[in-house]
Amino acid sequence: DIKLDNQRPAEYVFSRHVEQAMKRIKAGKKPHEDVAD
């Protein structure tokens, strides 16, 4: 089997994606439009 000794730790980014998506929806923007504004 593949060795796991050098695997990098998990990152948890789901909440960030959801937060950005909700901002876009509230602003009437499309999924890939900038949400800075």
PDB file of all heavy atoms in Angstrom:
ATOM      1  N   ASP A   1       0.840  -1.198   0.000  1.00  0.00           N
ATOM      2  CA  ASP A   1       0.000   0.000   0.000  1.00  0.00           C
ATOM      3  C   ASP A   1       0.875   1.247   0.000  1.00  0.00           C
ATOM      4  O   ASP A   1       2.077   1.192   0.269  1.00  0.00           O
ATOM      5  CB  ASP A   1      -0.939   0.008   1.200  1.00  0.00           C
ATOM      6  CG  ASP A   1      -2.251   0.715   0.896  1.00  0.00           C
ATOM      7  OD1 ASP A   1      -2.292   1.505  -0.077  1.00  0.00           O
ATOM      8  OD2 ASP A   1      -3.237   0.478   1.609  1.00  0.00           O
ATOM      9  N   ILE A   2       0.263   2.368  -0.304  1.00  0.00           N
ATOM     10  CA  ILE A   2       0.971   3.645  -0.347  1.00  0.00           C
ATOM     11  C   ILE A   2       1.255   4.123   1.074  1.00  0.00           C
ATOM     12  O   ILE A   2       0.363   4.101   1.927  1.00  0.00           O
ATOM     13  CB  ILE A   2       0.121   4.678  -1.111  1.00  0.00           C
ATOM     14  CG1 ILE A   2      -0.122   4.203  -2.548  1.00  0.00           C
ATOM     15  CG2 ILE A   2       0.786   6.044  -1.108  1.00  0.00           C
ATOM     16  CD1 ILE A   2      -1.163   5.006  -3.299  1.00  0.00           C
ATOM     17  N   LYS A   3       2.458   4.554   1.319  1.00  0.00           N
ATOM     18  CA  LYS A   3       2.833   5.042   2.649  1.00  0.00           C
ATOM     19  C   LYS A   3       2.229   6.420   2.901  1.00  0.00           C
ATOM     20  O   LYS A   3       2.116   7.241   1.993  1.00  0.00           O
ATOM     21  CB  LYS A   3       4.353   5.095   2.780  1.00  0.00           C
ATOM     22  CG  LYS A   3       5.023   3.721   2.730  1.00  0.00           C
ATOM     23  CD  LYS A   3       6.504   3.825   2.980  1.00  0.00           C
ATOM     24  CE  LYS A   3       7.160   2.452   2.930  1.00  0.00           C
ATOM     25  NZ  LYS A   3       6.633   1.537   3.962  1.00  0.00           N
ATOM     26  N   LEU A   4       1.856   6.655   4.128  1.00  0.00           N
ATOM     27  CA  LEU A   4       1.200   7.907   4.515  1.00  0.00           C
ATOM     28  C   LEU A   4       2.120   8.830   5.317  1.00  0.00           C
ATOM     29  O   LEU A   4       1.673   9.874   5.800  1.00  0.00           O
ATOM     30  CB  LEU A   4      -0.055   7.597   5.341  1.00  0.00           C
ATOM     31  CG  LEU A   4      -1.089   6.660   4.709  1.00  0.00           C
ATOM     32  CD1 LEU A   4      -2.244   6.423   5.683  1.00  0.00           C
ATOM     33  CD2 LEU A   4      -1.601   7.222   3.390  1.00  0.00           C
ATOM     34  N   ASP A   5       3.392   8.484   5.409  1.00  0.00           N
ATOM     35  CA  ASP A   5       4.305   9.211   6.295  1.00  0.00           C
ATOM     36  C   ASP A   5       4.431  10.695   5.955  1.00  0.00           C
ATOM     37  O   ASP A   5       4.624  11.530   6.849  1.00  0.00           O
ATOM     38  CB  ASP A   5       5.706   8.575   6.243  1.00  0.00           C
ATOM     39  CG  ASP A   5       5.702   7.122   6.661  1.00  0.00           C
ATOM     40  OD1 ASP A   5       4.632   6.611   7.042  1.00  0.00           O
ATOM     41  OD2 ASP A   5       6.763   6.473   6.598  1.00  0.00           O
ATOM     42  N   ASN A   6       4.343  11.020   4.674  1.00  0.00           N
ATOM     43  CA  ASN A   6       4.609  12.396   4.249  1.00  0.00           C
ATOM     44  C   ASN A   6       3.360  13.153   3.807  1.00  0.00           C
ATOM     45  O   ASN A   6       3.467  14.192   3.162  1.00  0.00           O
ATOM     46  CB  ASN A   6       5.638  12.387   3.105  1.00  0.00           C
ATOM     47  CG  ASN A   6       6.982  11.847   3.542  1.00  0.00           C
ATOM     48  OD1 ASN A   6       7.459  12.174   4.627  1.00  0.00           O
ATOM     49  ND2 ASN A   6       7.580  11.013   2.708  1.00  0.00           N
ATOM     50  N   GLN A   7       2.185  12.626   4.140  1.00  0.00           N
ATOM     51  CA  GLN A   7       0.971  13.329   3.718  1.00  0.00           C
ATOM     52  C   GLN A   7       0.815  14.635   4.496  1.00  0.00           C
ATOM     53  O   GLN A   7       1.150  14.729   5.669  1.00  0.00           O
ATOM     54  CB  GLN A   7      -0.256  12.446   3.911  1.00  0.00           C
ATOM     55  CG  GLN A   7      -0.578  12.102   5.353  1.00  0.00           C
ATOM     56  CD  GLN A   7      -1.790  11.203   5.495  1.00  0.00           C
ATOM     57  OE1 GLN A   7      -2.336  10.730   4.512  1.00  0.00           O
ATOM     58  NE2 GLN A   7      -2.235  10.967   6.721  1.00  0.00           N
ATOM     59  N   ARG A   8       0.300  15.658   3.826  1.00  0.00           N
ATOM     60  CA  ARG A   8       0.071  16.933   4.512  1.00  0.00           C
ATOM     61  C   ARG A   8      -1.254  16.871   5.273  1.00  0.00           C
ATOM     62  O   ARG A   8      -2.161  16.111   4.907  1.00  0.00           O
ATOM     63  CB  ARG A   8       0.071  18.095   3.511  1.00  0.00           C
ATOM     64  CG  ARG A   8      -1.054  18.079   2.488  1.00  0.00           C
ATOM     65  CD  ARG A   8      -0.878  19.189   1.469  1.00  0.00           C
ATOM     66  NE  ARG A   8      -1.896  19.097   0.427  1.00  0.00           N
ATOM     67  CZ  ARG A   8      -3.049  19.752   0.462  1.00  0.00           C
ATOM     68  NH1 ARG A   8      -3.336  20.552   1.486  1.00  0.00           N
ATOM     69  NH2 ARG A   8      -3.929  19.620  -0.526  1.00  0.00           N
ATOM     70  N   PRO A   9      -1.375  17.654   6.324  1.00  0.00           N
ATOM     71  CA  PRO A   9      -2.601  17.616   7.125  1.00  0.00           C
ATOM     72  C   PRO A   9      -3.796  18.185   6.377  1.00  0.00           C
ATOM     73  O   PRO A   9      -3.660  18.981   5.434  1.00  0.00           O
ATOM     74  CB  PRO A   9      -2.246  18.475   8.345  1.00  0.00           C
ATOM     75  CG  PRO A   9      -1.149  19.373   7.873  1.00  0.00           C
ATOM     76  CD  PRO A   9      -0.373  18.575   6.873  1.00  0.00           C
ATOM     77  N   ALA A  10      -4.980  17.777   6.799  1.00  0.00           N
ATOM     78  CA  ALA A  10      -6.224  18.224   6.167  1.00  0.00           C
ATOM     79  C   ALA A  10      -6.428  19.726   6.377  1.00  0.00           C
ATOM     80  O   ALA A  10      -6.082  20.282   7.419  1.00  0.00           O
ATOM     81  CB  ALA A  10      -7.407  17.453   6.736  1.00  0.00           C
ATOM     82  N   GLU A  11      -7.001  20.350   5.354  1.00  0.00           N
ATOM     83  CA  GLU A  11      -7.447  21.734   5.456  1.00  0.00           C
ATOM     84  C   GLU A  11      -8.972  21.734   5.369  1.00  0.00           C
ATOM     85  O   GLU A  11      -9.551  20.959   4.612  1.00  0.00           O
ATOM     86  CB  GLU A  11      -6.854  22.576   4.329  1.00  0.00           C
ATOM     87  CG  GLU A  11      -5.337  22.658   4.349  1.00  0.00           C
ATOM     88  CD  GLU A  11      -4.789  23.459   3.185  1.00  0.00           C
ATOM     89  OE1 GLU A  11      -5.534  24.303   2.636  1.00  0.00           O
ATOM     90  OE2 GLU A  11      -3.623  23.238   2.808  1.00  0.00           O
ATOM     91  N   TYR A  12      -9.594  22.619   6.121  1.00  0.00           N
ATOM     92  CA  TYR A  12     -11.056  22.652   6.157  1.00  0.00           C
ATOM     93  C   TYR A  12     -11.539  23.987   5.606  1.00  0.00           C
ATOM     94  O   TYR A  12     -11.400  25.028   6.250  1.00  0.00           O
ATOM     95  CB  TYR A  12     -11.554  22.405   7.581  1.00  0.00           C
ATOM     96  CG  TYR A  12     -11.135  21.034   8.071  1.00  0.00           C
ATOM     97  CD1 TYR A  12      -9.988  20.867   8.840  1.00  0.00           C
ATOM     98  CD2 TYR A  12     -11.856  19.902   7.700  1.00  0.00           C
ATOM     99  CE1 TYR A  12      -9.579  19.608   9.246  1.00  0.00           C
ATOM    100  CE2 TYR A  12     -11.456  18.641   8.099  1.00  0.00           C
ATOM    101  CZ  TYR A  12     -10.325  18.497   8.877  1.00  0.00           C
ATOM    102  OH  TYR A  12      -9.919  17.230   9.265  1.00  0.00           O
ATOM    103  N   VAL A  13     -12.053  23.925   4.373  1.00  0.00           N
ATOM    104  CA  VAL A  13     -12.361  25.147   3.624  1.00  0.00           C
ATOM    105  C   VAL A  13     -13.833  25.250   3.240  1.00  0.00           C
ATOM    106  O   VAL A  13     -14.237  26.215   2.593  1.00  0.00           O
ATOM    107  CB  VAL A  13     -11.489  25.221   2.350  1.00  0.00           C
ATOM    108  CG1 VAL A  13     -10.014  25.298   2.717  1.00  0.00           C
ATOM    109  CG2 VAL A  13     -11.731  23.994   1.452  1.00  0.00           C
ATOM    110  N   PHE A  14     -14.627  24.266   3.631  1.00  0.00           N
ATOM    111  CA  PHE A  14     -16.025  24.225   3.200  1.00  0.00           C
ATOM    112  C   PHE A  14     -16.780  25.484   3.604  1.00  0.00           C
ATOM    113  O   PHE A  14     -17.497  26.079   2.804  1.00  0.00           O
ATOM    114  CB  PHE A  14     -16.712  22.996   3.804  1.00  0.00           C
ATOM    115  CG  PHE A  14     -18.185  22.914   3.538  1.00  0.00           C
ATOM    116  CD1 PHE A  14     -18.664  22.597   2.280  1.00  0.00           C
ATOM    117  CD2 PHE A  14     -19.104  23.153   4.549  1.00  0.00           C
ATOM    118  CE1 PHE A  14     -20.028  22.511   2.031  1.00  0.00           C
ATOM    119  CE2 PHE A  14     -20.462  23.085   4.319  1.00  0.00           C
ATOM    120  CZ  PHE A  14     -20.923  22.760   3.049  1.00  0.00           C
ATOM    121  N   SER A  15     -16.623  25.915   4.846  1.00  0.00           N
ATOM    122  CA  SER A  15     -17.382  27.065   5.326  1.00  0.00           C
ATOM    123  C   SER A  15     -17.042  28.327   4.540  1.00  0.00           C
ATOM    124  O   SER A  15     -17.909  29.178   4.315  1.00  0.00           O
ATOM    125  CB  SER A  15     -17.137  27.279   6.820  1.00  0.00           C
ATOM    126  OG  SER A  15     -15.765  27.492   7.083  1.00  0.00           O
ATOM    127  N   ARG A  16     -15.771  28.453   4.122  1.00  0.00           N
ATOM    128  CA  ARG A  16     -15.385  29.625   3.343  1.00  0.00           C
ATOM    129  C   ARG A  16     -16.077  29.636   1.989  1.00  0.00           C
ATOM    130  O   ARG A  16     -16.560  30.679   1.533  1.00  0.00           O
ATOM    131  CB  ARG A  16     -13.869  29.660   3.169  1.00  0.00           C
ATOM    132  CG  ARG A  16     -13.388  30.927   2.453  1.00  0.00           C
ATOM    133  CD  ARG A  16     -11.875  31.040   2.427  1.00  0.00           C
ATOM    134  NE  ARG A  16     -11.273  30.135   1.453  1.00  0.00           N
ATOM    135  CZ  ARG A  16     -10.444  29.156   1.751  1.00  0.00           C
ATOM    136  NH1 ARG A  16     -10.148  28.922   3.024  1.00  0.00           N
ATOM    137  NH2 ARG A  16      -9.923  28.403   0.817  1.00  0.00           N
ATOM    138  N   HIS A  17     -16.150  28.478   1.327  1.00  0.00           N
ATOM    139  CA  HIS A  17     -16.837  28.402   0.034  1.00  0.00           C
ATOM    140  C   HIS A  17     -18.321  28.759   0.180  1.00  0.00           C
ATOM    141  O   HIS A  17     -18.888  29.473  -0.652  1.00  0.00           O
ATOM    142  CB  HIS A  17     -16.715  26.992  -0.558  1.00  0.00           C
ATOM    143  CG  HIS A  17     -15.320  26.613  -0.931  1.00  0.00           C
ATOM    144  ND1 HIS A  17     -14.467  27.472  -1.568  1.00  0.00           N
ATOM    145  CD2 HIS A  17     -14.630  25.460  -0.752  1.00  0.00           C
ATOM    146  CE1 HIS A  17     -13.309  26.876  -1.769  1.00  0.00           C
ATOM    147  NE2 HIS A  17     -13.387  25.648  -1.282  1.00  0.00           N
ATOM    148  N   VAL A  18     -18.932  28.252   1.232  1.00  0.00           N
ATOM    149  CA  VAL A  18     -20.353  28.531   1.463  1.00  0.00           C
ATOM    150  C   VAL A  18     -20.567  30.018   1.731  1.00  0.00           C
ATOM    151  O   VAL A  18     -21.493  30.643   1.189  1.00  0.00           O
ATOM    152  CB  VAL A  18     -20.882  27.682   2.637  1.00  0.00           C
ATOM    153  CG1 VAL A  18     -22.293  28.125   3.011  1.00  0.00           C
ATOM    154  CG2 VAL A  18     -20.876  26.203   2.265  1.00  0.00           C
ATOM    155  N   GLU A  19     -19.713  30.607   2.544  1.00  0.00           N
ATOM    156  CA  GLU A  19     -19.833  32.024   2.867  1.00  0.00           C
ATOM    157  C   GLU A  19     -19.721  32.898   1.614  1.00  0.00           C
ATOM    158  O   GLU A  19     -20.513  33.826   1.406  1.00  0.00           O
ATOM    159  CB  GLU A  19     -18.751  32.419   3.868  1.00  0.00           C
ATOM    160  CG  GLU A  19     -18.786  33.883   4.274  1.00  0.00           C
ATOM    161  CD  GLU A  19     -17.656  34.246   5.217  1.00  0.00           C
ATOM    162  OE1 GLU A  19     -16.942  33.333   5.680  1.00  0.00           O
ATOM    163  OE2 GLU A  19     -17.492  35.450   5.494  1.00  0.00           O
ATOM    164  N   GLN A  20     -18.748  32.578   0.759  1.00  0.00           N
ATOM    165  CA  GLN A  20     -18.576  33.345  -0.469  1.00  0.00           C
ATOM    166  C   GLN A  20     -19.765  33.164  -1.401  1.00  0.00           C
ATOM    167  O   GLN A  20     -20.224  34.123  -2.034  1.00  0.00           O
ATOM    168  CB  GLN A  20     -17.275  32.922  -1.161  1.00  0.00           C
ATOM    169  CG  GLN A  20     -16.022  33.336  -0.403  1.00  0.00           C
ATOM    170  CD  GLN A  20     -14.758  32.778  -1.024  1.00  0.00           C
ATOM    171  OE1 GLN A  20     -14.797  31.805  -1.782  1.00  0.00           O
ATOM    172  NE2 GLN A  20     -13.620  33.379  -0.693  1.00  0.00           N
ATOM    173  N   ALA A  21     -20.264  31.927  -1.487  1.00  0.00           N
ATOM    174  CA  ALA A  21     -21.414  31.668  -2.344  1.00  0.00           C
ATOM    175  C   ALA A  21     -22.646  32.434  -1.868  1.00  0.00           C
ATOM    176  O   ALA A  21     -23.396  32.998  -2.671  1.00  0.00           O
ATOM    177  CB  ALA A  21     -21.708  30.173  -2.399  1.00  0.00           C
ATOM    178  N   MET A  22     -22.855  32.476  -0.561  1.00  0.00           N
ATOM    179  CA  MET A  22     -24.002  33.196  -0.021  1.00  0.00           C
ATOM    180  C   MET A  22     -23.881  34.695  -0.298  1.00  0.00           C
ATOM    181  O   MET A  22     -24.880  35.375  -0.593  1.00  0.00           O
ATOM    182  CB  MET A  22     -24.122  32.928   1.477  1.00  0.00           C
ATOM    183  CG  MET A  22     -24.515  31.501   1.824  1.00  0.00           C
ATOM    184  SD  MET A  22     -26.134  31.042   1.173  1.00  0.00           S
ATOM    185  CE  MET A  22     -27.196  32.103   2.159  1.00  0.00           C
ATOM    186  N   LYS A  23     -22.673  35.241  -0.213  1.00  0.00           N
ATOM    187  CA  LYS A  23     -22.475  36.657  -0.535  1.00  0.00           C
ATOM    188  C   LYS A  23     -22.834  36.934  -1.993  1.00  0.00           C
ATOM    189  O   LYS A  23     -23.469  37.947  -2.306  1.00  0.00           O
ATOM    190  CB  LYS A  23     -21.022  37.059  -0.259  1.00  0.00           C
ATOM    191  CG  LYS A  23     -20.681  37.239   1.214  1.00  0.00           C
ATOM    192  CD  LYS A  23     -19.264  37.727   1.370  1.00  0.00           C
ATOM    193  CE  LYS A  23     -18.921  38.008   2.828  1.00  0.00           C
ATOM    194  NZ  LYS A  23     -17.536  38.512   2.986  1.00  0.00           N
ATOM    195  N   ARG A  24     -22.396  36.039  -2.888  1.00  0.00           N
ATOM    196  CA  ARG A  24     -22.707  36.232  -4.303  1.00  0.00           C
ATOM    197  C   ARG A  24     -24.211  36.196  -4.548  1.00  0.00           C
ATOM    198  O   ARG A  24     -24.757  36.998  -5.297  1.00  0.00           O
ATOM    199  CB  ARG A  24     -22.013  35.150  -5.139  1.00  0.00           C
ATOM    200  CG  ARG A  24     -20.501  35.263  -5.205  1.00  0.00           C
ATOM    201  CD  ARG A  24     -19.934  34.260  -6.204  1.00  0.00           C
ATOM    202  NE  ARG A  24     -18.494  34.299  -6.234  1.00  0.00           N
ATOM    203  CZ  ARG A  24     -17.699  33.461  -5.590  1.00  0.00           C
ATOM    204  NH1 ARG A  24     -18.234  32.508  -4.829  1.00  0.00           N
ATOM    205  NH2 ARG A  24     -16.392  33.562  -5.681  1.00  0.00           N
ATOM    206  N   ILE A  25     -24.870  35.223  -3.930  1.00  0.00           N
ATOM    207  CA  ILE A  25     -26.314  35.085  -4.130  1.00  0.00           C
ATOM    208  C   ILE A  25     -27.039  36.326  -3.621  1.00  0.00           C
ATOM    209  O   ILE A  25     -27.918  36.879  -4.291  1.00  0.00           O
ATOM    210  CB  ILE A  25     -26.825  33.810  -3.435  1.00  0.00           C
ATOM    211  CG1 ILE A  25     -26.289  32.558  -4.159  1.00  0.00           C
ATOM    212  CG2 ILE A  25     -28.358  33.778  -3.414  1.00  0.00           C
ATOM    213  CD1 ILE A  25     -26.540  31.275  -3.410  1.00  0.00           C
ATOM    214  N   LYS A  26     -26.671  36.808  -2.444  1.00  0.00           N
ATOM    215  CA  LYS A  26     -27.315  37.998  -1.863  1.00  0.00           C
ATOM    216  C   LYS A  26     -27.063  39.234  -2.706  1.00  0.00           C
ATOM    217  O   LYS A  26     -27.903  40.147  -2.769  1.00  0.00           O
ATOM    218  CB  LYS A  26     -26.821  38.210  -0.433  1.00  0.00           C
ATOM    219  CG  LYS A  26     -27.305  37.149   0.555  1.00  0.00           C
ATOM    220  CD  LYS A  26     -26.650  37.276   1.914  1.00  0.00           C
ATOM    221  CE  LYS A  26     -27.118  38.508   2.642  1.00  0.00           C
ATOM    222  NZ  LYS A  26     -26.586  38.546   4.047  1.00  0.00           N
ATOM    223  N   ALA A  27     -25.897  39.266  -3.367  1.00  0.00           N
ATOM    224  CA  ALA A  27     -25.561  40.421  -4.199  1.00  0.00           C
ATOM    225  C   ALA A  27     -26.048  40.264  -5.635  1.00  0.00           C
ATOM    226  O   ALA A  27     -25.836  41.151  -6.458  1.00  0.00           O
ATOM    227  CB  ALA A  27     -24.056  40.633  -4.188  1.00  0.00           C
ATOM    228  N   GLY A  28     -26.695  39.133  -5.935  1.00  0.00           N
ATOM    229  CA  GLY A  28     -27.193  38.902  -7.283  1.00  0.00           C
ATOM    230  C   GLY A  28     -26.100  38.624  -8.286  1.00  0.00           C
ATOM    231  O   GLY A  28     -26.265  38.867  -9.485  1.00  0.00           O
ATOM    232  N   LYS A  29     -24.974  38.122  -7.821  1.00  0.00           N
ATOM    233  CA  LYS A  29     -23.846  37.847  -8.706  1.00  0.00           C
ATOM    234  C   LYS A  29     -23.821  36.380  -9.116  1.00  0.00           C
ATOM    235  O   LYS A  29     -24.414  35.519  -8.468  1.00  0.00           O
ATOM    236  CB  LYS A  29     -22.524  38.207  -7.995  1.00  0.00           C
ATOM    237  CG  LYS A  29     -22.336  39.698  -7.747  1.00  0.00           C
ATOM    238  CD  LYS A  29     -21.045  39.949  -6.984  1.00  0.00           C
ATOM    239  CE  LYS A  29     -20.807  41.449  -6.787  1.00  0.00           C
ATOM    240  NZ  LYS A  29     -20.385  42.099  -8.024  1.00  0.00           N
ATOM    241  N   LYS A  30     -23.091  36.110 -10.186  1.00  0.00           N
ATOM    242  CA  LYS A  30     -22.912  34.753 -10.649  1.00  0.00           C
ATOM    243  C   LYS A  30     -21.805  34.078  -9.840  1.00  0.00           C
ATOM    244  O   LYS A  30     -21.000  34.753  -9.187  1.00  0.00           O
ATOM    245  CB  LYS A  30     -22.573  34.752 -12.142  1.00  0.00           C
ATOM    246  CG  LYS A  30     -23.713  35.273 -13.011  1.00  0.00           C
ATOM    247  CD  LYS A  30     -23.340  35.234 -14.483  1.00  0.00           C
ATOM    248  CE  LYS A  30     -24.495  35.745 -15.344  1.00  0.00           C
ATOM    249  NZ  LYS A  30     -24.148  35.731 -16.791  1.00  0.00           N
ATOM    250  N   PRO A  31     -21.733  32.727  -9.890  1.00  0.00           N
ATOM    251  CA  PRO A  31     -20.788  32.014  -9.031  1.00  0.00           C
ATOM    252  C   PRO A  31     -19.339  32.479  -9.125  1.00  0.00           C
ATOM    253  O   PRO A  31     -18.617  32.448  -8.136  1.00  0.00           O
ATOM    254  CB  PRO A  31     -20.934  30.559  -9.498  1.00  0.00           C
ATOM    255  CG  PRO A  31     -22.336  30.476  -9.982  1.00  0.00           C
ATOM    256  CD  PRO A  31     -22.622  31.803 -10.611  1.00  0.00           C
ATOM    257  N   HIS A  32     -18.886  32.908 -10.311  1.00  0.00           N
ATOM    258  CA  HIS A  32     -17.472  33.263 -10.466  1.00  0.00           C
ATOM    259  C   HIS A  32     -17.228  34.761 -10.453  1.00  0.00           C
ATOM    260  O   HIS A  32     -16.101  35.192 -10.669  1.00  0.00           O
ATOM    261  CB  HIS A  32     -16.919  32.646 -11.752  1.00  0.00           C
ATOM    262  CG  HIS A  32     -16.831  31.162 -11.705  1.00  0.00           C
ATOM    263  ND1 HIS A  32     -16.102  30.478 -10.750  1.00  0.00           N
ATOM    264  CD2 HIS A  32     -17.425  30.207 -12.459  1.00  0.00           C
ATOM    265  CE1 HIS A  32     -16.209  29.180 -10.948  1.00  0.00           C
ATOM    266  NE2 HIS A  32     -17.016  28.987 -11.961  1.00  0.00           N
ATOM    267  N   GLU A  33     -18.243  35.549 -10.208  1.00  0.00           N
ATOM    268  CA  GLU A  33     -18.018  36.983 -10.146  1.00  0.00           C
ATOM    269  C   GLU A  33     -17.390  37.367  -8.805  1.00  0.00           C
ATOM    270  O   GLU A  33     -17.614  36.719  -7.780  1.00  0.00           O
ATOM    271  CB  GLU A  33     -19.345  37.732 -10.342  1.00  0.00           C
ATOM    272  CG  GLU A  33     -19.869  37.640 -11.774  1.00  0.00           C
ATOM    273  CD  GLU A  33     -21.135  38.469 -11.969  1.00  0.00           C
ATOM    274  OE1 GLU A  33     -21.999  38.447 -11.087  1.00  0.00           O
ATOM    275  OE2 GLU A  33     -21.234  39.121 -13.015  1.00  0.00           O
ATOM    276  N   ASP A  34     -16.604  38.416  -8.838  1.00  0.00           N
ATOM    277  CA  ASP A  34     -15.905  38.887  -7.641  1.00  0.00           C
ATOM    278  C   ASP A  34     -16.913  39.264  -6.566  1.00  0.00           C
ATOM    279  O   ASP A  34     -17.901  39.937  -6.841  1.00  0.00           O
ATOM    280  CB  ASP A  34     -15.039  40.090  -8.017  1.00  0.00           C
ATOM    281  CG  ASP A  34     -14.147  40.541  -6.879  1.00  0.00           C
ATOM    282  OD1 ASP A  34     -14.080  39.813  -5.873  1.00  0.00           O
ATOM    283  OD2 ASP A  34     -13.543  41.608  -7.021  1.00  0.00           O
ATOM    284  N   VAL A  35     -16.621  38.831  -5.344  1.00  0.00           N
ATOM    285  CA  VAL A  35     -17.530  39.175  -4.239  1.00  0.00           C
ATOM    286  C   VAL A  35     -16.949  40.256  -3.339  1.00  0.00           C
ATOM    287  O   VAL A  35     -17.470  40.523  -2.272  1.00  0.00           O
ATOM    288  CB  VAL A  35     -17.865  37.933  -3.381  1.00  0.00           C
ATOM    289  CG1 VAL A  35     -18.660  36.936  -4.162  1.00  0.00           C
ATOM    290  CG2 VAL A  35     -16.590  37.303  -2.824  1.00  0.00           C
ATOM    291  N   ALA A  36     -15.869  40.872  -3.780  1.00  0.00           N
ATOM    292  CA  ALA A  36     -15.239  41.896  -2.933  1.00  0.00           C
ATOM    293  C   ALA A  36     -16.204  43.029  -2.630  1.00  0.00           C
ATOM    294  O   ALA A  36     -16.185  43.599  -1.544  1.00  0.00           O
ATOM    295  CB  ALA A  36     -13.990  42.441  -3.622  1.00  0.00           C
ATOM    296  N   ASP A  37     -17.065  43.335  -3.598  1.00  0.00           N
ATOM    297  CA  ASP A  37     -18.016  44.433  -3.410  1.00  0.00           C
ATOM    298  C   ASP A  37     -19.364  43.962  -2.926  1.00  0.00           C
ATOM    299  O   ASP A  37     -20.290  44.747  -2.787  1.00  0.00           O
ATOM    300  CB  ASP A  37     -18.180  45.204  -4.712  1.00  0.00           C
ATOM    301  CG  ASP A  37     -16.863  45.819  -5.173  1.00  0.00           C
ATOM    302  OD1 ASP A  37     -16.066  46.225  -4.296  1.00  0.00           O
ATOM    303  OD2 ASP A  37     -16.638  45.882  -6.384  1.00  0.00           O
TER     304      ASP A  37
END
